[in-house]
Amino acid sequence: MKISPQRPTAVEVSYFEAPAVDEVRPYRIETGYHLVELVVGGVVRFEVGNRELRLGAGAMFWHIEGEDTIYQTVPEAPYKCYVFDLAIPKGTPRPVSRLSVLPDIRKAAEIGREFLVAFHSESVDRGILCESAWSRLVWEAHLADIGNTGPGIPPSMRGALSFIESGYMRADLSVRTIASAAGLSEAHLHALFRGHFGQTPHQFVLARRIQEARYRLTGTRQTIKAIAAECGFANIETFYRVFHRQLGTTPQKYRVAYERFSMER
């Protein structure tokens, strides 16, 4: 992702609830503006290629001048969204994908409410508000992209990813358990992970455990044995072996290399 050097000069934040219809009238983005819609409830129908997706809370749409806002919904669950109207130099490219999917729907609602409250506060600096909104939205879209939560990930796989995120620290977490939680066969789960991530579910879990271990090695003074156990490794020997295989160094050497960045000195 390449960030544009152009920055917005102003932002307006609002909240919108679609009526109980199939479609609302779309709004065409004017020249000199970007508009971001952060969905926090209901269902949005949106076409990607030749496929219609049904998206809910956490979907974030980044529209640029000349594009239409979202407008397709379902009467039984009309969408709700926070809207960020960003004044920006004409022709500024979109800094992220048009559609991102934030994995934490509670976080999406919190972000929207935070900026809506700030926008209506007379004591908040408008320049800081604008810069903060832009940076936060770009950052969340970027995290969604690198976190593999985009619209191409099927719902069943999202379930598997969510289950892994909530249970990767358990040493007894198995591929069979993940598949069962996601309502998939083990073979189908393997095929999905191979197709989307180029690795097996087991390798994905190990990578997530090592990621957490890296945070703890550099951000806490926990013992390496405690970190290994809390990150889901059955024993410290396995932890050292997997850590070295993935990073080419030992946990101790990694901690020393980044010790100056530790939060607890």
Foldseek 3Di string as FASTA:
>chain_A
DDAFPWAFDFKDKDKDWDALDFWDDWDAAAFQKKKKKAWQWAWFWDDDPNDTDIDHGQKMFIGDHGDIDTIGGHNVITIMTMMMITGIHGPTDDRADRIFGQLDRVVSVVLSVVLNVLNPDPPHDRRVSRVVNVVVVSVRRVCRVVVVVGPVQDPLVSQLVVVLVVPLLALPDDLCVSQVRSVHDSVVQQVSCCVRPVDGPVVVSLVQLLVQLLCPLQAHPDDLQVSCNRSRHPGSVVVQVSNCVVPVDGSVVSSVVRNVVYPPD
